[in-house]
Protein backbone atom coordinates (compact mmCIF):
# COMPACT_ATOMS: atom_id res chain seq x y z
CA MET A 1 88.25 87.47 138.44
CA VAL A 2 91.22 86.37 140.56
CA ALA A 3 91.86 83.47 138.24
CA LYS A 4 92.00 86.03 135.39
CA LEU A 5 95.16 87.50 136.91
CA GLY A 6 96.79 84.04 136.93
CA ALA A 7 95.74 83.58 133.27
CA LEU A 8 97.24 86.90 132.32
CA PHE A 9 100.60 85.85 133.80
CA HIS A 10 100.34 82.31 132.41
CA ASP A 11 99.79 83.41 128.75
CA ALA A 12 102.87 85.74 128.91
CA ALA A 13 105.30 83.75 131.12
CA PHE A 14 104.74 80.43 129.31
CA GLY A 15 105.08 81.99 125.80
CA PRO A 16 108.91 81.39 125.43
CA VAL A 17 108.55 77.86 126.87
CA THR A 18 105.74 76.96 124.45
CA HIS A 19 107.61 78.48 121.57
CA ALA A 20 110.68 76.36 122.43
CA ALA A 21 108.56 73.24 122.64
CA ARG A 22 107.08 73.88 119.28
CA LEU A 23 110.52 74.46 117.75
CA LEU A 24 111.91 71.21 119.30
CA ALA A 25 108.89 69.24 118.13
CA ASN A 26 109.68 70.34 114.66
CA ASP A 27 113.37 69.24 114.86
CA GLN A 28 114.71 72.78 115.22
CA LEU A 29 117.12 72.15 118.09
CA GLU A 30 119.27 75.26 117.71
CA ALA A 31 116.21 77.55 117.54
CA GLY A 32 114.63 75.81 120.40
CA LEU A 33 117.71 76.19 122.54
CA THR A 34 117.76 79.98 121.67
CA ALA A 35 114.17 80.24 122.97
CA LEU A 36 115.36 78.68 126.28
CA ARG A 37 117.90 81.40 126.89
CA ARG A 38 117.85 83.45 130.08
CA ASP A 39 116.61 86.72 128.53
CA GLU A 40 113.82 84.90 126.65
CA LEU A 41 112.55 83.04 129.76
CA MET A 42 112.91 85.96 132.16
CA GLY A 43 111.44 88.26 129.52
CA GLY A 44 108.29 86.15 129.63
CA VAL A 45 108.07 86.55 133.48
CA ARG A 46 108.54 90.28 133.19
CA HIS A 47 105.93 90.61 130.47
CA GLY A 48 103.45 88.60 132.58
CA VAL A 49 104.13 90.86 135.67
CA GLU A 50 103.62 93.96 133.49
CA ARG A 51 100.28 92.59 132.19
CA ILE A 52 99.04 92.02 135.72
CA ALA A 53 100.28 95.44 136.96
CA SER A 54 98.49 97.13 133.95
CA ALA A 55 95.27 95.21 134.61
CA ALA A 56 95.26 95.77 138.37
CA GLY A 57 96.46 99.40 138.20
CA ALA A 58 99.30 98.48 140.66
CA PRO A 59 103.13 99.08 140.41
CA ALA A 60 105.07 96.28 138.73
CA LEU A 61 107.29 96.09 141.84
CA LYS A 62 104.31 95.14 143.97
CA VAL A 63 103.59 92.12 141.64
CA PHE A 64 107.27 91.06 141.60
CA ARG A 65 107.31 90.93 145.47
CA ARG A 66 104.53 88.28 145.21
CA LEU A 67 106.80 86.00 143.23
CA PRO A 68 109.77 83.82 144.52
CA MET A 69 112.25 85.76 142.41
CA ASP A 70 115.28 84.21 144.30
CA HIS A 71 114.08 80.71 143.46
CA LEU A 72 113.40 81.72 139.83
CA GLU A 73 116.92 83.15 139.63
CA VAL A 74 118.52 79.88 140.83
CA LEU A 75 116.42 77.92 138.29
CA ILE A 76 117.26 80.27 135.39
CA GLU A 77 120.94 80.02 136.12
CA ASN A 78 120.78 76.22 136.06
CA VAL A 79 118.77 76.30 132.73
CA GLU A 80 121.15 78.83 131.27
CA THR A 81 124.28 76.64 132.13
CA SER A 82 122.72 73.49 130.74
CA GLN A 83 121.39 75.39 127.60
CA ARG A 84 124.89 76.59 126.81
CA GLN A 85 126.45 73.12 127.31
CA VAL A 86 123.84 71.47 125.00
CA ALA A 87 124.36 74.22 122.37
CA THR A 88 128.12 73.62 122.41
CA LEU A 89 127.84 69.79 122.26
CA TRP A 90 125.24 69.92 119.52
CA GLY A 91 127.25 72.46 117.47
CA ALA A 92 130.22 70.03 117.55
CA GLN A 93 128.02 67.05 116.46
CA ALA A 94 126.07 69.08 113.83
CA SER A 95 129.34 69.78 112.10
CA GLN A 96 129.82 66.05 111.74
CA GLY A 97 126.39 65.60 110.09
CA ALA A 98 124.36 64.45 113.17
CA GLU A 99 120.57 64.52 112.59
CA LEU A 100 117.58 64.76 114.85
CA PRO A 101 114.99 61.96 115.10
CA ALA A 102 112.09 62.73 112.76
CA GLN A 103 108.87 63.85 114.43
CA LYS A 104 106.49 66.67 113.42
CA LEU A 105 103.82 68.08 115.64
CA THR A 106 101.24 70.75 114.97
CA ALA A 107 100.92 73.98 116.97
CA ALA A 108 97.73 72.50 118.59
CA ASP A 109 99.75 69.51 119.97
CA VAL A 110 102.24 71.64 121.81
CA ASP A 111 101.98 72.94 125.39
CA PRO A 112 104.57 74.22 127.81
CA SER A 113 105.08 70.82 129.55
CA LYS A 114 106.07 69.36 126.13
CA VAL A 115 109.41 71.11 126.21
CA ALA A 116 110.99 68.57 128.62
CA HIS A 117 109.32 65.72 126.66
CA GLU A 118 110.96 66.91 123.43
CA LEU A 119 114.32 67.37 124.96
CA ARG A 120 114.21 63.77 126.37
CA ARG A 121 113.10 62.49 122.91
CA ILE A 122 116.05 64.14 121.28
CA ALA A 123 118.31 62.80 124.03
CA GLU A 124 117.26 59.18 123.27
CA ALA A 125 118.61 59.47 119.66
CA PRO A 126 121.23 56.68 119.27
CA ASP A 127 123.83 58.73 117.43
CA HIS A 128 124.14 61.68 119.85
CA GLY A 129 126.64 60.14 122.30
CA ASP A 130 126.42 59.82 126.05
CA GLU A 131 127.69 63.34 126.82
CA LEU A 132 125.07 65.17 124.70
CA SER A 133 122.28 62.81 125.81
CA ALA A 134 123.19 63.45 129.50
CA ALA A 135 123.19 67.21 128.87
CA LEU A 136 119.83 67.15 127.18
CA THR A 137 118.35 65.04 129.99
CA THR A 138 119.65 67.48 132.52
CA LEU A 139 118.19 70.44 130.63
CA ALA A 140 114.88 68.59 130.38
CA ASN A 141 114.78 68.09 134.14
CA GLN A 142 115.53 71.80 134.66
CA ALA A 143 112.91 72.75 132.14
CA ASP A 144 110.36 70.65 134.17
CA GLU A 145 111.47 72.62 137.20
CA TRP A 146 111.02 75.96 135.51
CA VAL A 147 107.55 75.06 134.28
CA ALA A 148 106.52 73.87 137.75
CA ALA A 149 107.88 77.15 139.24
CA LEU A 150 105.85 79.23 136.73
CA LEU A 151 102.70 77.23 137.77
CA ASP A 152 103.45 78.06 141.35
CA CYS A 153 103.79 81.67 140.42
CA CYS A 154 100.34 81.57 138.80
CA SER A 155 98.87 80.08 142.01
CA LEU A 156 100.64 82.74 144.13
CA LEU A 157 99.18 85.50 141.99
CA GLU A 158 95.69 84.03 142.12
CA ASP A 159 95.97 83.82 145.96
CA ALA A 160 97.18 87.51 146.36
CA PRO A 161 94.26 89.29 148.03
CA ASP A 162 95.84 92.81 147.58
CA LEU A 163 96.20 92.29 143.83
CA ALA A 164 92.62 90.90 143.57
CA ARG A 165 91.28 93.97 145.46
CA ALA A 166 93.26 96.30 143.22
CA TYR A 167 91.98 94.50 140.09
CA ARG A 168 88.39 94.62 141.37
CA ARG A 169 88.85 98.33 142.32
CA ARG A 170 90.13 99.17 138.88
CA GLY A 171 87.24 97.24 137.30
CA ARG A 172 84.79 99.26 139.39
CA LYS A 173 86.38 102.53 138.38
CA ARG A 174 86.11 101.64 134.76
CA LEU A 175 82.48 100.59 135.19
CA ALA A 176 81.71 103.87 136.99
CA MET A 177 83.42 105.87 134.27
CA ALA A 178 81.51 103.95 131.61
CA ILE A 179 78.20 104.70 133.37
CA ALA A 180 79.13 108.38 133.81
CA VAL A 181 80.04 108.70 130.10
CA THR A 182 76.73 107.00 129.20
CA ILE A 183 74.75 109.40 131.29
CA LEU A 184 76.52 112.35 129.87
CA VAL A 185 76.15 111.17 126.27
CA THR A 186 72.45 110.42 126.83
CA GLY A 187 71.81 113.93 128.40
CA ALA A 188 73.81 115.66 125.68
CA ALA A 189 71.83 113.75 122.96
CA THR A 190 68.53 114.79 124.54
CA TRP A 191 69.59 118.47 124.69
CA LEU A 192 70.98 118.47 121.20
CA THR A 193 67.75 116.91 119.87
CA ARG A 194 65.59 119.75 121.42
CA ARG A 195 67.96 122.33 120.14
CA HIS A 196 67.87 120.77 116.70
CA LEU A 197 64.12 120.95 116.51
CA ALA A 198 64.18 124.56 117.63
CA GLN A 199 66.69 125.54 114.97
CA THR A 200 65.35 123.53 111.99
CA ARG A 201 63.17 126.35 110.73
CA LEU A 202 66.04 128.80 110.96
CA ASP A 203 68.28 126.52 108.85
CA ALA A 204 65.64 126.33 106.25
CA GLN A 205 65.36 130.09 106.02
CA LEU A 206 69.11 130.58 106.01
CA GLY A 207 69.28 128.42 102.81
CA ALA A 208 66.57 130.39 101.02
CA GLY A 209 68.86 133.28 99.94
CA ALA A 210 70.59 136.35 101.41
CA CYS A 211 67.46 138.52 101.58
CA ALA A 212 65.19 135.84 102.95
CA VAL A 213 66.63 136.46 106.50
CA GLU A 214 64.50 139.70 106.68
CA SER A 215 61.46 137.56 107.05
CA ILE A 216 62.63 135.55 110.17
CA ALA A 217 60.19 135.67 112.95
CA PRO A 218 61.40 137.09 116.36
CA ALA A 219 60.38 133.93 118.18
CA ASP A 220 62.57 131.82 115.90
CA LEU A 221 65.44 134.24 116.19
CA ALA A 222 65.36 133.87 120.00
CA HIS A 223 66.36 130.14 119.56
CA ALA A 224 69.26 130.85 117.06
CA SER A 225 72.70 129.61 117.92
CA ALA A 226 75.80 131.91 117.88
CA ASP A 227 76.69 130.53 114.39
CA GLN A 228 73.14 131.10 113.11
CA ARG A 229 73.02 134.66 114.51
CA ALA A 230 76.40 135.28 112.76
CA ALA A 231 75.13 133.80 109.55
CA ILE A 232 71.83 135.91 109.68
CA GLU A 233 73.90 139.07 110.21
CA GLY A 234 76.20 138.05 107.41
CA LEU A 235 73.27 137.42 105.03
CA ARG A 236 71.80 140.75 105.82
CA ARG A 237 75.00 142.48 104.86
CA GLN A 238 75.21 140.43 101.74
CA CYS A 239 71.69 141.51 100.84
CA GLU A 240 72.53 145.16 101.37
CA ASP A 241 75.98 144.97 99.67
CA GLY A 242 75.13 142.77 96.75
CA ARG A 243 74.76 145.46 94.23
CA GLU A 244 77.99 147.07 95.32
CA ARG A 245 79.87 143.82 94.96
CA GLU A 246 78.44 143.27 91.49
CA ARG A 247 79.43 146.69 90.43
CA GLN A 248 83.01 146.16 91.71
CA ALA A 249 83.18 142.87 89.86
CA ILE A 250 82.13 144.56 86.62
CA GLU A 251 84.68 147.29 87.08
CA SER A 252 87.35 144.75 87.81
CA ARG A 253 86.61 142.90 84.61
CA ARG A 254 86.69 146.18 82.63
CA LEU A 255 90.07 147.14 84.06
CA ALA A 256 91.50 143.63 83.34
CA ASP A 257 90.26 143.88 79.77
CA GLU A 258 91.83 147.24 79.33
CA GLN A 259 95.20 146.04 80.81
CA ARG A 260 95.14 143.00 78.44
CA ARG A 261 94.43 145.24 75.38
CA ALA A 262 97.18 147.67 76.51
CA THR A 263 99.65 144.74 76.79
CA GLU A 264 98.73 143.42 73.32
CA ARG A 265 99.02 146.96 71.94
CA ARG A 266 102.47 147.51 73.40
CA LYS A 267 103.51 144.05 72.08
CA GLN A 268 102.26 144.89 68.64
CA GLU A 269 103.94 148.31 68.68
CA ARG A 270 107.26 146.80 69.68
CA LEU A 271 106.92 144.19 66.88
CA GLU A 272 106.35 147.00 64.43
CA GLN A 273 109.27 149.09 65.84
CA CYS A 274 111.53 145.99 65.54
CA ALA A 275 110.46 145.34 62.02
CA GLN A 276 111.16 149.00 61.14
CA LEU A 277 114.56 148.71 62.76
CA GLY A 278 115.44 145.71 60.72
CA ARG A 279 114.31 147.42 57.50
CA HIS A 280 116.25 150.66 58.29
CA PHE A 281 119.40 148.64 59.26
CA GLU A 282 119.29 146.82 55.90
CA ALA A 283 118.74 150.11 54.15
CA GLY A 284 121.89 151.47 55.95
CA LYS A 285 120.31 154.25 58.03
CA LEU A 286 118.83 154.43 61.51
CA ASP A 287 116.40 157.23 62.79
CA ASP A 288 115.80 158.32 66.33
CA ALA A 289 113.11 155.67 66.97
CA ASP A 290 115.52 152.97 65.89
CA VAL A 291 118.19 154.35 68.27
CA LYS A 292 115.69 154.32 71.13
CA ILE A 293 114.69 150.73 70.66
CA ALA A 294 118.27 149.57 70.09
CA GLY A 295 119.16 151.00 73.53
CA LYS A 296 122.69 150.24 74.65
CA HIS A 297 123.39 148.51 71.31
CA ALA A 298 122.76 151.54 69.28
CA GLY A 299 126.48 152.36 69.07
CA LEU A 300 127.32 148.79 67.92
CA LEU A 301 124.61 149.03 65.16
CA GLY A 302 126.09 152.42 64.02
CA ARG A 303 129.57 150.88 63.85
CA LEU A 304 128.28 147.86 61.86
CA LEU A 305 126.66 150.21 59.31
CA ALA A 306 129.89 152.32 59.22
CA GLY A 307 132.09 149.12 58.85
CA LYS A 308 134.18 150.19 61.87
CA LEU A 309 133.79 147.34 64.36
CA ALA A 310 135.77 148.06 67.52
CA LEU A 311 137.96 145.40 69.20
CA ASP A 312 135.76 145.55 72.27
CA ASP A 313 132.71 144.80 70.08
CA VAL A 314 134.38 141.35 69.40
CA SER A 315 135.78 140.52 72.90
CA ASP A 316 133.30 142.02 75.27
CA GLU A 317 130.02 140.16 76.20
CA LEU A 318 127.35 142.39 74.65
CA GLY A 319 124.25 140.41 75.73
CA GLU A 320 121.32 139.91 73.40
CA LEU A 321 121.03 142.09 70.37
CA PRO A 322 117.90 144.39 70.04
CA CYS A 323 114.64 142.64 69.24
CA ALA A 324 116.26 139.23 69.95
CA ASP A 325 112.84 137.56 70.26
CA THR A 326 111.64 138.66 66.83
CA ALA A 327 112.59 138.08 63.19
CA ALA A 328 114.15 141.58 62.89
CA VAL A 329 117.20 140.37 64.75
CA LYS A 330 118.35 138.05 61.93
CA PRO A 331 119.92 140.89 59.69
CA LEU A 332 121.50 142.37 62.80
CA ARG A 333 123.19 139.04 63.78
CA HIS A 334 124.27 138.40 60.21
CA ALA A 335 125.77 141.75 59.87
CA TYR A 336 127.58 141.25 63.24
CA ALA A 337 128.86 137.84 62.19
CA ARG A 338 130.11 139.23 58.82
CA ALA A 339 131.82 142.16 60.61
CA VAL A 340 133.58 139.89 63.04
CA LEU A 341 134.85 137.69 60.24
CA ASP A 342 135.88 140.69 58.07
CA SER A 343 137.88 142.22 60.94
CA MET A 344 139.63 139.09 62.03
CA LEU A 345 143.09 140.48 61.18
CA ALA A 346 142.49 143.32 63.65
CA TRP A 347 141.39 141.26 66.62
CA LEU A 348 142.86 137.83 66.17
CA PRO A 349 146.43 138.80 67.34
CA SER A 350 145.37 140.07 70.77
CA ARG A 351 141.71 139.32 71.48
CA SER A 352 139.44 136.25 71.83
CA PRO A 353 135.95 136.40 70.48
CA SER A 354 133.16 136.67 73.07
CA LYS A 355 130.48 134.08 73.48
CA ALA A 356 128.07 136.32 71.51
CA ALA A 357 130.61 136.69 68.69
CA GLN A 358 131.18 132.97 68.59
CA ARG A 359 127.47 132.30 68.56
CA ALA A 360 126.85 134.75 65.68
CA LEU A 361 129.64 133.13 63.58
CA ILE A 362 128.32 129.67 64.25
CA GLU A 363 124.67 130.47 63.55
CA HIS A 364 125.44 132.21 60.31
CA ARG A 365 128.39 130.12 59.11
CA ALA A 366 126.29 128.83 56.12
CA GLU A 367 125.59 132.49 54.98
CA LEU A 368 129.15 133.75 55.36
CA PRO A 369 131.65 133.72 52.48
CA ARG A 370 133.38 130.31 52.42
CA GLN A 371 136.62 131.91 51.33
CA GLY A 372 136.56 134.18 54.44
CA ILE A 373 135.92 131.25 56.72
CA MET A 374 138.78 129.25 55.21
CA LEU A 375 141.07 132.35 55.52
CA PHE A 376 139.98 132.65 59.21
CA GLY A 377 140.94 129.01 59.75
CA GLY A 378 144.27 129.61 58.02
CA HIS A 379 145.17 132.47 60.25
CA ILE A 380 144.37 130.40 63.33
CA GLU A 381 146.41 127.56 62.06
CA MET A 382 149.49 129.87 61.71
CA MET A 383 148.85 131.28 65.21
CA ALA A 384 148.67 127.68 66.56
CA ALA A 385 152.00 126.91 64.92
CA ARG A 386 153.69 129.79 66.70
CA SER A 387 152.04 128.75 70.01
CA VAL A 388 153.33 125.15 69.55
CA ALA A 389 156.85 126.49 69.02
CA THR A 390 156.79 128.93 71.93
CA GLY A 391 154.31 127.42 74.34
CA VAL A 392 152.58 130.89 74.74
CA ALA A 393 148.86 131.30 74.94
CA LEU A 394 148.10 127.63 74.47
CA ARG A 395 144.61 127.69 75.92
CA ARG A 396 143.61 130.76 73.90
CA HIS A 397 144.80 129.28 70.62
CA ALA A 398 143.20 125.91 71.53
CA ALA A 399 139.84 127.69 72.00
CA LEU A 400 140.26 129.44 68.63
CA CYS A 401 141.09 126.07 67.00
CA ALA A 402 137.83 124.60 68.43
CA LEU A 403 135.93 127.52 66.93
CA SER A 404 137.69 126.91 63.60
CA ALA A 405 136.53 123.24 63.74
CA THR A 406 132.97 124.22 64.49
CA LEU A 407 133.00 126.61 61.52
CA GLU A 408 134.35 123.75 59.33
CA ALA A 409 137.47 125.83 58.46
CA LYS A 410 139.52 122.64 58.37
CA PRO A 411 142.08 123.18 61.13
CA GLY A 412 145.41 121.36 60.59
CA VAL A 413 148.10 119.55 62.48
CA ASN A 414 149.09 122.69 64.36
CA CYS A 415 145.64 123.02 65.81
CA ALA A 416 145.62 119.43 66.80
CA ALA A 417 149.01 119.87 68.54
CA VAL A 418 148.05 123.00 70.33
CA VAL A 419 144.79 121.45 71.58
CA LYS A 420 146.81 118.43 73.03
CA LEU A 421 149.38 120.79 74.57
CA ALA A 422 146.64 122.89 76.17
CA ARG A 423 144.95 119.84 77.53
CA ASP A 424 148.14 118.45 79.06
CA ALA A 425 149.30 121.83 80.41
CA PRO A 426 149.30 122.21 84.24
C-alpha cells in the first residue's frame, strides 16, 4: 500500500522527463528541450503531490513538506539555465542547416533515464561544435541529477508513516462506506420485494378499468401505497363522473360545429354582399347595404360614381378598398384607376399620388386608355422640364417620372434629367 503512494508520484513526476526522452529519441530536439522547461518539470512534481494528497486524503502542503524542495529548486534552476543555453546554441546551428544523428525509438523503448542518454547521443554528433556538445553534456548530467532526485522523492514518500497511515485510514473509510451502502441496498431491496408482492394484486385491479376499484378487498386496500390510494380514489371519481364528462364532450362538439357553421355562413353572406356591391357599382347605384359594407370607403365610391374624385382621394392613403379579398374589388379598383387618370390635370400640379393610387394605375394599366396614359406621361415630362430649369420639387417630379416609366408612358430626356438631379441633390 505504501509502495502505491510512491508509484502515484512516480507516474506523474516522471511524465515530462519520459516525454522529453521520447521526443529526443525521435530527433525532435526543440520539442524535447521544451519538455525540459522549468514549468513542465515542476508541474510534474506538483501533479504527483496532488495525486498522493487526493489518495491519502491529506493536504498537499503536508506532502510537499516530505520532499526536499530546496534541493529540487537548485536542480531545476541548473536544468533551466542549461536548457536555455542549449536552445540558443541549437537555434543558431539549425539556421545553418545542422541535422541530428538519425535514430528512432518506439515508445516502449523509452524510460525516464533515457533522457540523459539521448542528450549525450546528440552531443556526440560531429557537426555540432564544441560549445553545443559541451552544453548538451552539461544538460545531460543535470537531467541525471533530476531523475535521481525524483527517485529519492519516491523513496521518501514510501517511507513516510504519516502519509501511509492517512492512506490506509482513507481506504478503511471507503471500505466501511461501501459495506454500509451494501447493507442499506440489501435491506431496501428486501423491503421493496415484500412490498411489491403485497401490492401486485392492487396493480392488477387498478388496470382493469375505472369501476373495477369498487371490488377491491379491504385486506388488499390496507397494503396500498399512497400513490395506489390516490389512484383508487381517482378511479372511483372517474367511474362516477364518466357519464358527465361524456355529456360535456358531446356538448362541446355540438357548440364547435355550430360555431364553424356560423363562421362559414358569415363568410358566404359577405361574399354575396361583396358580389352585390360589385354589381350595383357597375350599374351606377349603391343601396344602404352597399354603403354599410363599404364602410369608410362609401364616400369614395359615391364620388367615383359621380365622377367627382377629390384631390385627397388621390394623395391620401386610403387603405384597402372594400371586399379587397374577393373578385368584387376588381371593378372598384378599375374605376378608381380610371378616375385618377382622368383627373390628372386637377391633382398633378400640386399633389403626388398615394401608394394606393399608384398601385391601382399600375395594376390596371393594360385596361386604361393608351391615349390617356401617354397624355399623363406628356404632362409629367413638361413638369420635369420646369423642375430641371428651376430646381424646384426635384424629388416629387422624379417619383412621377418613375411612375410614368412603370406605366410605359415613354418618359423623355427631361424625366431622365430630373431623376439624375434628384439623385445627386443633397
